[in-house]
Amino acid sequence: AKVVYEYLYRQINDKGVRDTIDFLLNREEAHNTMFREAFNRIQDTGSLKDWGITKDSKLYFNLSTPGDQFFNADNPQPASFNNPN
């Protein structure tokens, strides 16, 4: 969403619309910061210990391409987030 907001901000000259987009940009940054902090807090705590243990949790669908396209992830791994600083 941030990229879209930045693109729109550069294209629009109306002050009210720009103020709204600026608010949305700042809100997006705040959400990003909160999610990053949450991921950093749970990293290495064991909260993801049981991730991907059922057959259904290892099945992924390609919803971007029409048809019966899916794949099985035999050894799924939880997302790993590291502090970029």
PDB file of N, CA and C in Angstrom:
ATOM      1  N   ALA A   1       0.824  -1.186   0.000  1.00  0.00           N
ATOM      2  CA  ALA A   1       0.000   0.000   0.000  1.00  0.00           C
ATOM      3  C   ALA A   1       0.873   1.257   0.000  1.00  0.00           C
ATOM      4  N   LYS A   2       2.003   1.183   0.679  1.00  0.00           N
ATOM      5  CA  LYS A   2       2.861   2.363   0.788  1.00  0.00           C
ATOM      6  C   LYS A   2       3.331   2.845  -0.579  1.00  0.00           C
ATOM      7  N   VAL A   3       3.701   1.937  -1.440  1.00  0.00           N
ATOM      8  CA  VAL A   3       4.176   2.311  -2.780  1.00  0.00           C
ATOM      9  C   VAL A   3       3.067   3.010  -3.555  1.00  0.00           C
ATOM     10  N   VAL A   4       1.847   2.504  -3.438  1.00  0.00           N
ATOM     11  CA  VAL A   4       0.707   3.123  -4.129  1.00  0.00           C
ATOM     12  C   VAL A   4       0.472   4.521  -3.583  1.00  0.00           C
ATOM     13  N   TYR A   5       0.504   4.676  -2.254  1.00  0.00           N
ATOM     14  CA  TYR A   5       0.304   5.997  -1.655  1.00  0.00           C
ATOM     15  C   TYR A   5       1.379   6.977  -2.122  1.00  0.00           C
ATOM     16  N   GLU A   6       2.624   6.520  -2.158  1.00  0.00           N
ATOM     17  CA  GLU A   6       3.707   7.397  -2.610  1.00  0.00           C
ATOM     18  C   GLU A   6       3.514   7.802  -4.066  1.00  0.00           C
ATOM     19  N   TYR A   7       3.113   6.861  -4.892  1.00  0.00           N
ATOM     20  CA  TYR A   7       2.867   7.155  -6.306  1.00  0.00           C
ATOM     21  C   TYR A   7       1.742   8.178  -6.444  1.00  0.00           C
ATOM     22  N   LEU A   8       0.642   7.956  -5.744  1.00  0.00           N
ATOM     23  CA  LEU A   8      -0.487   8.887  -5.819  1.00  0.00           C
ATOM     24  C   LEU A   8      -0.106  10.266  -5.300  1.00  0.00           C
ATOM     25  N   TYR A   9       0.655  10.308  -4.225  1.00  0.00           N
ATOM     26  CA  TYR A   9       1.063  11.579  -3.635  1.00  0.00           C
ATOM     27  C   TYR A   9       1.818  12.434  -4.649  1.00  0.00           C
ATOM     28  N   ARG A  10       2.676  11.788  -5.433  1.00  0.00           N
ATOM     29  CA  ARG A  10       3.455  12.530  -6.443  1.00  0.00           C
ATOM     30  C   ARG A  10       2.588  12.988  -7.615  1.00  0.00           C
ATOM     31  N   GLN A  11       1.468  12.310  -7.859  1.00  0.00           N
ATOM     32  CA  GLN A  11       0.635  12.609  -9.024  1.00  0.00           C
ATOM     33  C   GLN A  11      -0.451  13.644  -8.753  1.00  0.00           C
ATOM     34  N   ILE A  12      -0.787  13.869  -7.496  1.00  0.00           N
ATOM     35  CA  ILE A  12      -1.946  14.697  -7.149  1.00  0.00           C
ATOM     36  C   ILE A  12      -1.491  16.020  -6.563  1.00  0.00           C
ATOM     37  N   ASN A  13      -2.153  17.097  -6.989  1.00  0.00           N
ATOM     38  CA  ASN A  13      -1.813  18.434  -6.508  1.00  0.00           C
ATOM     39  C   ASN A  13      -2.811  18.975  -5.493  1.00  0.00           C
ATOM     40  N   ASP A  14      -3.978  18.358  -5.360  1.00  0.00           N
ATOM     41  CA  ASP A  14      -5.012  18.829  -4.439  1.00  0.00           C
ATOM     42  C   ASP A  14      -4.534  18.671  -2.995  1.00  0.00           C
ATOM     43  N   LYS A  15      -4.541  19.791  -2.232  1.00  0.00           N
ATOM     44  CA  LYS A  15      -4.007  19.772  -0.874  1.00  0.00           C
ATOM     45  C   LYS A  15      -4.768  18.812   0.032  1.00  0.00           C
ATOM     46  N   GLY A  16      -6.083  18.790  -0.056  1.00  0.00           N
ATOM     47  CA  GLY A  16      -6.873  17.903   0.793  1.00  0.00           C
ATOM     48  C   GLY A  16      -6.579  16.437   0.530  1.00  0.00           C
ATOM     49  N   VAL A  17      -6.469  16.094  -0.741  1.00  0.00           N
ATOM     50  CA  VAL A  17      -6.164  14.705  -1.099  1.00  0.00           C
ATOM     51  C   VAL A  17      -4.746  14.358  -0.662  1.00  0.00           C
ATOM     52  N   ARG A  18      -3.824  15.291  -0.855  1.00  0.00           N
ATOM     53  CA  ARG A  18      -2.438  15.039  -0.437  1.00  0.00           C
ATOM     54  C   ARG A  18      -2.337  14.864   1.073  1.00  0.00           C
ATOM     55  N   ASP A  19      -3.106  15.675   1.826  1.00  0.00           N
ATOM     56  CA  ASP A  19      -3.110  15.528   3.284  1.00  0.00           C
ATOM     57  C   ASP A  19      -3.628  14.150   3.688  1.00  0.00           C
ATOM     58  N   THR A  20      -4.670  13.687   3.006  1.00  0.00           N
ATOM     59  CA  THR A  20      -5.228  12.365   3.296  1.00  0.00           C
ATOM     60  C   THR A  20      -4.216  11.273   2.982  1.00  0.00           C
ATOM     61  N   ILE A  21      -3.564  11.385   1.836  1.00  0.00           N
ATOM     62  CA  ILE A  21      -2.561  10.383   1.453  1.00  0.00           C
ATOM     63  C   ILE A  21      -1.381  10.422   2.419  1.00  0.00           C
ATOM     64  N   ASP A  22      -1.006  11.620   2.866  1.00  0.00           N
ATOM     65  CA  ASP A  22       0.075  11.747   3.842  1.00  0.00           C
ATOM     66  C   ASP A  22      -0.297  11.034   5.145  1.00  0.00           C
ATOM     67  N   PHE A  23      -1.545  11.199   5.576  1.00  0.00           N
ATOM     68  CA  PHE A  23      -2.019  10.490   6.765  1.00  0.00           C
ATOM     69  C   PHE A  23      -1.919   8.976   6.565  1.00  0.00           C
ATOM     70  N   LEU A  24      -2.373   8.495   5.398  1.00  0.00           N
ATOM     71  CA  LEU A  24      -2.331   7.057   5.114  1.00  0.00           C
ATOM     72  C   LEU A  24      -0.892   6.535   5.086  1.00  0.00           C
ATOM     73  N   LEU A  25       0.019   7.328   4.519  1.00  0.00           N
ATOM     74  CA  LEU A  25       1.436   6.942   4.499  1.00  0.00           C
ATOM     75  C   LEU A  25       1.981   6.802   5.918  1.00  0.00           C
ATOM     76  N   ASN A  26       1.674   7.781   6.757  1.00  0.00           N
ATOM     77  CA  ASN A  26       2.161   7.731   8.136  1.00  0.00           C
ATOM     78  C   ASN A  26       1.543   6.573   8.907  1.00  0.00           C
ATOM     79  N   ARG A  27       0.267   6.291   8.656  1.00  0.00           N
ATOM     80  CA  ARG A  27      -0.393   5.160   9.313  1.00  0.00           C
ATOM     81  C   ARG A  27       0.245   3.843   8.869  1.00  0.00           C
ATOM     82  N   GLU A  28       0.564   3.752   7.576  1.00  0.00           N
ATOM     83  CA  GLU A  28       1.209   2.546   7.046  1.00  0.00           C
ATOM     84  C   GLU A  28       2.567   2.324   7.716  1.00  0.00           C
ATOM     85  N   GLU A  29       3.320   3.397   7.895  1.00  0.00           N
ATOM     86  CA  GLU A  29       4.618   3.297   8.573  1.00  0.00           C
ATOM     87  C   GLU A  29       4.446   2.861  10.022  1.00  0.00           C
ATOM     88  N   ALA A  30       3.430   3.404  10.691  1.00  0.00           N
ATOM     89  CA  ALA A  30       3.180   3.028  12.086  1.00  0.00           C
ATOM     90  C   ALA A  30       2.829   1.546  12.183  1.00  0.00           C
ATOM     91  N   HIS A  31       1.983   1.064  11.275  1.00  0.00           N
ATOM     92  CA  HIS A  31       1.624  -0.359  11.275  1.00  0.00           C
ATOM     93  C   HIS A  31       2.852  -1.223  11.012  1.00  0.00           C
ATOM     94  N   ASN A  32       3.672  -0.814  10.066  1.00  0.00           N
ATOM     95  CA  ASN A  32       4.887  -1.562   9.749  1.00  0.00           C
ATOM     96  C   ASN A  32       5.787  -1.664  10.976  1.00  0.00           C
ATOM     97  N   THR A  33       5.941  -0.557  11.678  1.00  0.00           N
ATOM     98  CA  THR A  33       6.784  -0.532  12.872  1.00  0.00           C
ATOM     99  C   THR A  33       6.224  -1.442  13.960  1.00  0.00           C
ATOM    100  N   MET A  34       4.902  -1.409  14.151  1.00  0.00           N
ATOM    101  CA  MET A  34       4.284  -2.259  15.177  1.00  0.00           C
ATOM    102  C   MET A  34       4.418  -3.742  14.840  1.00  0.00           C
ATOM    103  N   PHE A  35       4.198  -4.106  13.574  1.00  0.00           N
ATOM    104  CA  PHE A  35       4.340  -5.507  13.176  1.00  0.00           C
ATOM    105  C   PHE A  35       5.787  -5.973  13.339  1.00  0.00           C
ATOM    106  N   ARG A  36       6.733  -5.131  12.938  1.00  0.00           N
ATOM    107  CA  ARG A  36       8.137  -5.495  13.071  1.00  0.00           C
ATOM    108  C   ARG A  36       8.499  -5.718  14.542  1.00  0.00           C
ATOM    109  N   GLU A  37       8.006  -4.829  15.404  1.00  0.00           N
ATOM    110  CA  GLU A  37       8.271  -4.978  16.836  1.00  0.00           C
ATOM    111  C   GLU A  37       7.640  -6.260  17.379  1.00  0.00           C
ATOM    112  N   ALA A  38       6.427  -6.561  16.956  1.00  0.00           N
ATOM    113  CA  ALA A  38       5.765  -7.789  17.404  1.00  0.00           C
ATOM    114  C   ALA A  38       6.546  -9.021  16.958  1.00  0.00           C
ATOM    115  N   PHE A  39       6.992  -9.039  15.715  1.00  0.00           N
ATOM    116  CA  PHE A  39       7.780 -10.175  15.225  1.00  0.00           C
ATOM    117  C   PHE A  39       9.094 -10.306  15.988  1.00  0.00           C
ATOM    118  N   ASN A  40       9.729  -9.174  16.275  1.00  0.00           N
ATOM    119  CA  ASN A  40      10.983  -9.221  17.026  1.00  0.00           C
ATOM    120  C   ASN A  40      10.767  -9.763  18.433  1.00  0.00           C
ATOM    121  N   ARG A  41       9.622  -9.440  19.037  1.00  0.00           N
ATOM    122  CA  ARG A  41       9.349  -9.910  20.402  1.00  0.00           C
ATOM    123  C   ARG A  41       9.113 -11.416  20.462  1.00  0.00           C
ATOM    124  N   ILE A  42       8.488 -11.983  19.439  1.00  0.00           N
ATOM    125  CA  ILE A  42       8.196 -13.421  19.489  1.00  0.00           C
ATOM    126  C   ILE A  42       9.289 -14.283  18.869  1.00  0.00           C
ATOM    127  N   GLN A  43      10.242 -13.651  18.212  1.00  0.00           N
ATOM    128  CA  GLN A  43      11.313 -14.420  17.577  1.00  0.00           C
ATOM    129  C   GLN A  43      12.081 -15.210  18.631  1.00  0.00           C
ATOM    130  N   ASP A  44      12.330 -16.465  18.354  1.00  0.00           N
ATOM    131  CA  ASP A  44      13.088 -17.361  19.238  1.00  0.00           C
ATOM    132  C   ASP A  44      12.410 -17.616  20.583  1.00  0.00           C
ATOM    133  N   THR A  45      11.092 -17.434  20.667  1.00  0.00           N
ATOM    134  CA  THR A  45      10.391 -17.694  21.926  1.00  0.00           C
ATOM    135  C   THR A  45       9.691 -19.034  21.922  1.00  0.00           C
ATOM    136  N   GLY A  46       9.668 -19.711  20.794  1.00  0.00           N
ATOM    137  CA  GLY A  46       8.957 -20.975  20.715  1.00  0.00           C
ATOM    138  C   GLY A  46       7.501 -20.814  20.337  1.00  0.00           C
ATOM    139  N   SER A  47       7.054 -19.593  20.088  1.00  0.00           N
ATOM    140  CA  SER A  47       5.648 -19.384  19.744  1.00  0.00           C
ATOM    141  C   SER A  47       5.312 -19.976  18.381  1.00  0.00           C
ATOM    142  N   LEU A  48       6.313 -20.255  17.562  1.00  0.00           N
ATOM    143  CA  LEU A  48       6.085 -20.841  16.248  1.00  0.00           C
ATOM    144  C   LEU A  48       6.454 -22.327  16.237  1.00  0.00           C
ATOM    145  N   LYS A  49       6.605 -22.909  17.407  1.00  0.00           N
ATOM    146  CA  LYS A  49       7.084 -24.281  17.528  1.00  0.00           C
ATOM    147  C   LYS A  49       6.210 -25.282  16.772  1.00  0.00           C
ATOM    148  N   ASP A  50       4.898 -25.117  16.825  1.00  0.00           N
ATOM    149  CA  ASP A  50       3.990 -26.060  16.184  1.00  0.00           C
ATOM    150  C   ASP A  50       3.538 -25.595  14.804  1.00  0.00           C
ATOM    151  N   TRP A  51       4.273 -24.707  14.195  1.00  0.00           N
ATOM    152  CA  TRP A  51       3.886 -24.159  12.900  1.00  0.00           C
ATOM    153  C   TRP A  51       3.997 -25.226  11.826  1.00  0.00           C
ATOM    154  N   GLY A  52       2.950 -25.390  11.039  1.00  0.00           N
ATOM    155  CA  GLY A  52       2.985 -26.293   9.896  1.00  0.00           C
ATOM    156  C   GLY A  52       2.965 -27.766  10.236  1.00  0.00           C
ATOM    157  N   ILE A  53       2.236 -28.159  11.293  1.00  0.00           N
ATOM    158  CA  ILE A  53       2.271 -29.566  11.688  1.00  0.00           C
ATOM    159  C   ILE A  53       1.161 -30.405  11.071  1.00  0.00           C
ATOM    160  N   THR A  54       0.121 -29.786  10.529  1.00  0.00           N
ATOM    161  CA  THR A  54      -0.966 -30.566   9.934  1.00  0.00           C
ATOM    162  C   THR A  54      -0.808 -30.634   8.421  1.00  0.00           C
ATOM    163  N   LYS A  55      -1.469 -31.618   7.816  1.00  0.00           N
ATOM    164  CA  LYS A  55      -1.420 -31.774   6.363  1.00  0.00           C
ATOM    165  C   LYS A  55      -1.949 -30.519   5.665  1.00  0.00           C
ATOM    166  N   ASP A  56      -3.035 -29.956   6.208  1.00  0.00           N
ATOM    167  CA  ASP A  56      -3.630 -28.771   5.586  1.00  0.00           C
ATOM    168  C   ASP A  56      -2.731 -27.544   5.669  1.00  0.00           C
ATOM    169  N   SER A  57      -1.940 -27.440   6.716  1.00  0.00           N
ATOM    170  CA  SER A  57      -1.071 -26.271   6.852  1.00  0.00           C
ATOM    171  C   SER A  57       0.129 -26.338   5.915  1.00  0.00           C
ATOM    172  N   LYS A  58       0.325 -27.481   5.260  1.00  0.00           N
ATOM    173  CA  LYS A  58       1.432 -27.632   4.324  1.00  0.00           C
ATOM    174  C   LYS A  58       0.988 -27.552   2.871  1.00  0.00           C
ATOM    175  N   LEU A  59      -0.277 -27.218   2.640  1.00  0.00           N
ATOM    176  CA  LEU A  59      -0.823 -27.137   1.291  1.00  0.00           C
ATOM    177  C   LEU A  59      -1.007 -25.672   0.922  1.00  0.00           C
ATOM    178  N   TYR A  60      -0.430 -25.244  -0.181  1.00  0.00           N
ATOM    179  CA  TYR A  60      -0.495 -23.856  -0.620  1.00  0.00           C
ATOM    180  C   TYR A  60      -1.145 -23.775  -1.985  1.00  0.00           C
ATOM    181  N   PHE A  61      -1.967 -22.774  -2.179  1.00  0.00           N
ATOM    182  CA  PHE A  61      -2.667 -22.577  -3.440  1.00  0.00           C
ATOM    183  C   PHE A  61      -2.139 -21.338  -4.137  1.00  0.00           C
ATOM    184  N   ASN A  62      -2.014 -21.423  -5.451  1.00  0.00           N
ATOM    185  CA  ASN A  62      -1.641 -20.275  -6.267  1.00  0.00           C
ATOM    186  C   ASN A  62      -2.937 -19.597  -6.687  1.00  0.00           C
ATOM    187  N   LEU A  63      -3.361 -18.588  -5.945  1.00  0.00           N
ATOM    188  CA  LEU A  63      -4.614 -17.901  -6.233  1.00  0.00           C
ATOM    189  C   LEU A  63      -4.442 -16.795  -7.263  1.00  0.00           C
ATOM    190  N   SER A  64      -3.233 -16.600  -7.740  1.00  0.00           N
ATOM    191  CA  SER A  64      -2.979 -15.570  -8.743  1.00  0.00           C
ATOM    192  C   SER A  64      -3.177 -16.081 -10.160  1.00  0.00           C
ATOM    193  N   THR A  65      -3.155 -17.398 -10.347  1.00  0.00           N
ATOM    194  CA  THR A  65      -3.272 -17.995 -11.670  1.00  0.00           C
ATOM    195  C   THR A  65      -4.488 -18.912 -11.693  1.00  0.00           C
ATOM    196  N   PRO A  66      -5.409 -18.721 -12.643  1.00  0.00           N
ATOM    197  CA  PRO A  66      -6.584 -19.593 -12.707  1.00  0.00           C
ATOM    198  C   PRO A  66      -6.195 -21.051 -12.951  1.00  0.00           C
ATOM    199  N   GLY A  67      -6.974 -21.963 -12.421  1.00  0.00           N
ATOM    200  CA  GLY A  67      -6.729 -23.387 -12.642  1.00  0.00           C
ATOM    201  C   GLY A  67      -6.467 -24.125 -11.349  1.00  0.00           C
ATOM    202  N   ASP A  68      -6.177 -25.404 -11.489  1.00  0.00           N
ATOM    203  CA  ASP A  68      -5.933 -26.261 -10.330  1.00  0.00           C
ATOM    204  C   ASP A  68      -4.454 -26.272  -9.977  1.00  0.00           C
ATOM    205  N   GLN A  69      -3.930 -25.142  -9.629  1.00  0.00           N
ATOM    206  CA  GLN A  69      -2.503 -25.072  -9.331  1.00  0.00           C
ATOM    207  C   GLN A  69      -2.298 -24.957  -7.825  1.00  0.00           C
ATOM    208  N   PHE A  70      -1.599 -25.901  -7.284  1.00  0.00           N
ATOM    209  CA  PHE A  70      -1.233 -25.875  -5.882  1.00  0.00           C
ATOM    210  C   PHE A  70       0.045 -26.682  -5.722  1.00  0.00           C
ATOM    211  N   PHE A  71       0.673 -26.543  -4.595  1.00  0.00           N
ATOM    212  CA  PHE A  71       1.855 -27.350  -4.332  1.00  0.00           C
ATOM    213  C   PHE A  71       1.897 -27.695  -2.851  1.00  0.00           C
ATOM    214  N   ASN A  72       2.567 -28.765  -2.542  1.00  0.00           N
ATOM    215  CA  ASN A  72       2.751 -29.184  -1.161  1.00  0.00           C
ATOM    216  C   ASN A  72       4.119 -28.726  -0.692  1.00  0.00           C
ATOM    217  N   ALA A  73       4.155 -28.203   0.504  1.00  0.00           N
ATOM    218  CA  ALA A  73       5.424 -27.837   1.126  1.00  0.00           C
ATOM    219  C   ALA A  73       5.755 -28.940   2.124  1.00  0.00           C
ATOM    220  N   ASP A  74       6.676 -29.815   1.764  1.00  0.00           N
ATOM    221  CA  ASP A  74       6.989 -30.964   2.605  1.00  0.00           C
ATOM    222  C   ASP A  74       7.666 -30.584   3.916  1.00  0.00           C
ATOM    223  N   ASN A  75       8.447 -29.533   3.886  1.00  0.00           N
ATOM    224  CA  ASN A  75       9.168 -29.116   5.082  1.00  0.00           C
ATOM    225  C   ASN A  75       9.013 -27.610   5.268  1.00  0.00           C
ATOM    226  N   PRO A  76       7.817 -27.136   5.631  1.00  0.00           N
ATOM    227  CA  PRO A  76       7.607 -25.693   5.733  1.00  0.00           C
ATOM    228  C   PRO A  76       8.373 -25.113   6.914  1.00  0.00           C
ATOM    229  N   GLN A  77       8.813 -23.903   6.764  1.00  0.00           N
ATOM    230  CA  GLN A  77       9.521 -23.198   7.823  1.00  0.00           C
ATOM    231  C   GLN A  77       8.769 -21.914   8.140  1.00  0.00           C
ATOM    232  N   PRO A  78       8.695 -21.532   9.414  1.00  0.00           N
ATOM    233  CA  PRO A  78       8.036 -20.276   9.741  1.00  0.00           C
ATOM    234  C   PRO A  78       8.851 -19.105   9.215  1.00  0.00           C
ATOM    235  N   ALA A  79       8.185 -17.990   9.039  1.00  0.00           N
ATOM    236  CA  ALA A  79       8.881 -16.785   8.593  1.00  0.00           C
ATOM    237  C   ALA A  79       9.904 -16.381   9.638  1.00  0.00           C
ATOM    238  N   SER A  80      11.029 -15.883   9.188  1.00  0.00           N
ATOM    239  CA  SER A  80      12.072 -15.431  10.095  1.00  0.00           C
ATOM    240  C   SER A  80      12.315 -13.956   9.845  1.00  0.00           C
ATOM    241  N   PHE A  81      12.224 -13.186  10.889  1.00  0.00           N
ATOM    242  CA  PHE A  81      12.396 -11.749  10.759  1.00  0.00           C
ATOM    243  C   PHE A  81      13.559 -11.315  11.628  1.00  0.00           C
ATOM    244  N   ASN A  82      14.471 -10.599  11.041  1.00  0.00           N
ATOM    245  CA  ASN A  82      15.606 -10.076  11.779  1.00  0.00           C
ATOM    246  C   ASN A  82      15.568  -8.566  11.748  1.00  0.00           C
ATOM    247  N   ASN A  83      15.991  -7.966  12.839  1.00  0.00           N
ATOM    248  CA  ASN A  83      16.037  -6.516  12.924  1.00  0.00           C
ATOM    249  C   ASN A  83      17.057  -6.000  11.915  1.00  0.00           C
ATOM    250  N   PRO A  84      16.639  -5.109  10.986  1.00  0.00           N
ATOM    251  CA  PRO A  84      17.564  -4.649   9.946  1.00  0.00           C
ATOM    252  C   PRO A  84      18.654  -3.727  10.465  1.00  0.00           C
ATOM    253  N   ASN A  85      18.536  -3.272  11.714  1.00  0.00           N
ATOM    254  CA  ASN A  85      19.539  -2.328  12.235  1.00  0.00           C
ATOM    255  C   ASN A  85      20.726  -3.042  12.790  1.00  0.00           C
TER     256      ASN A  85
END
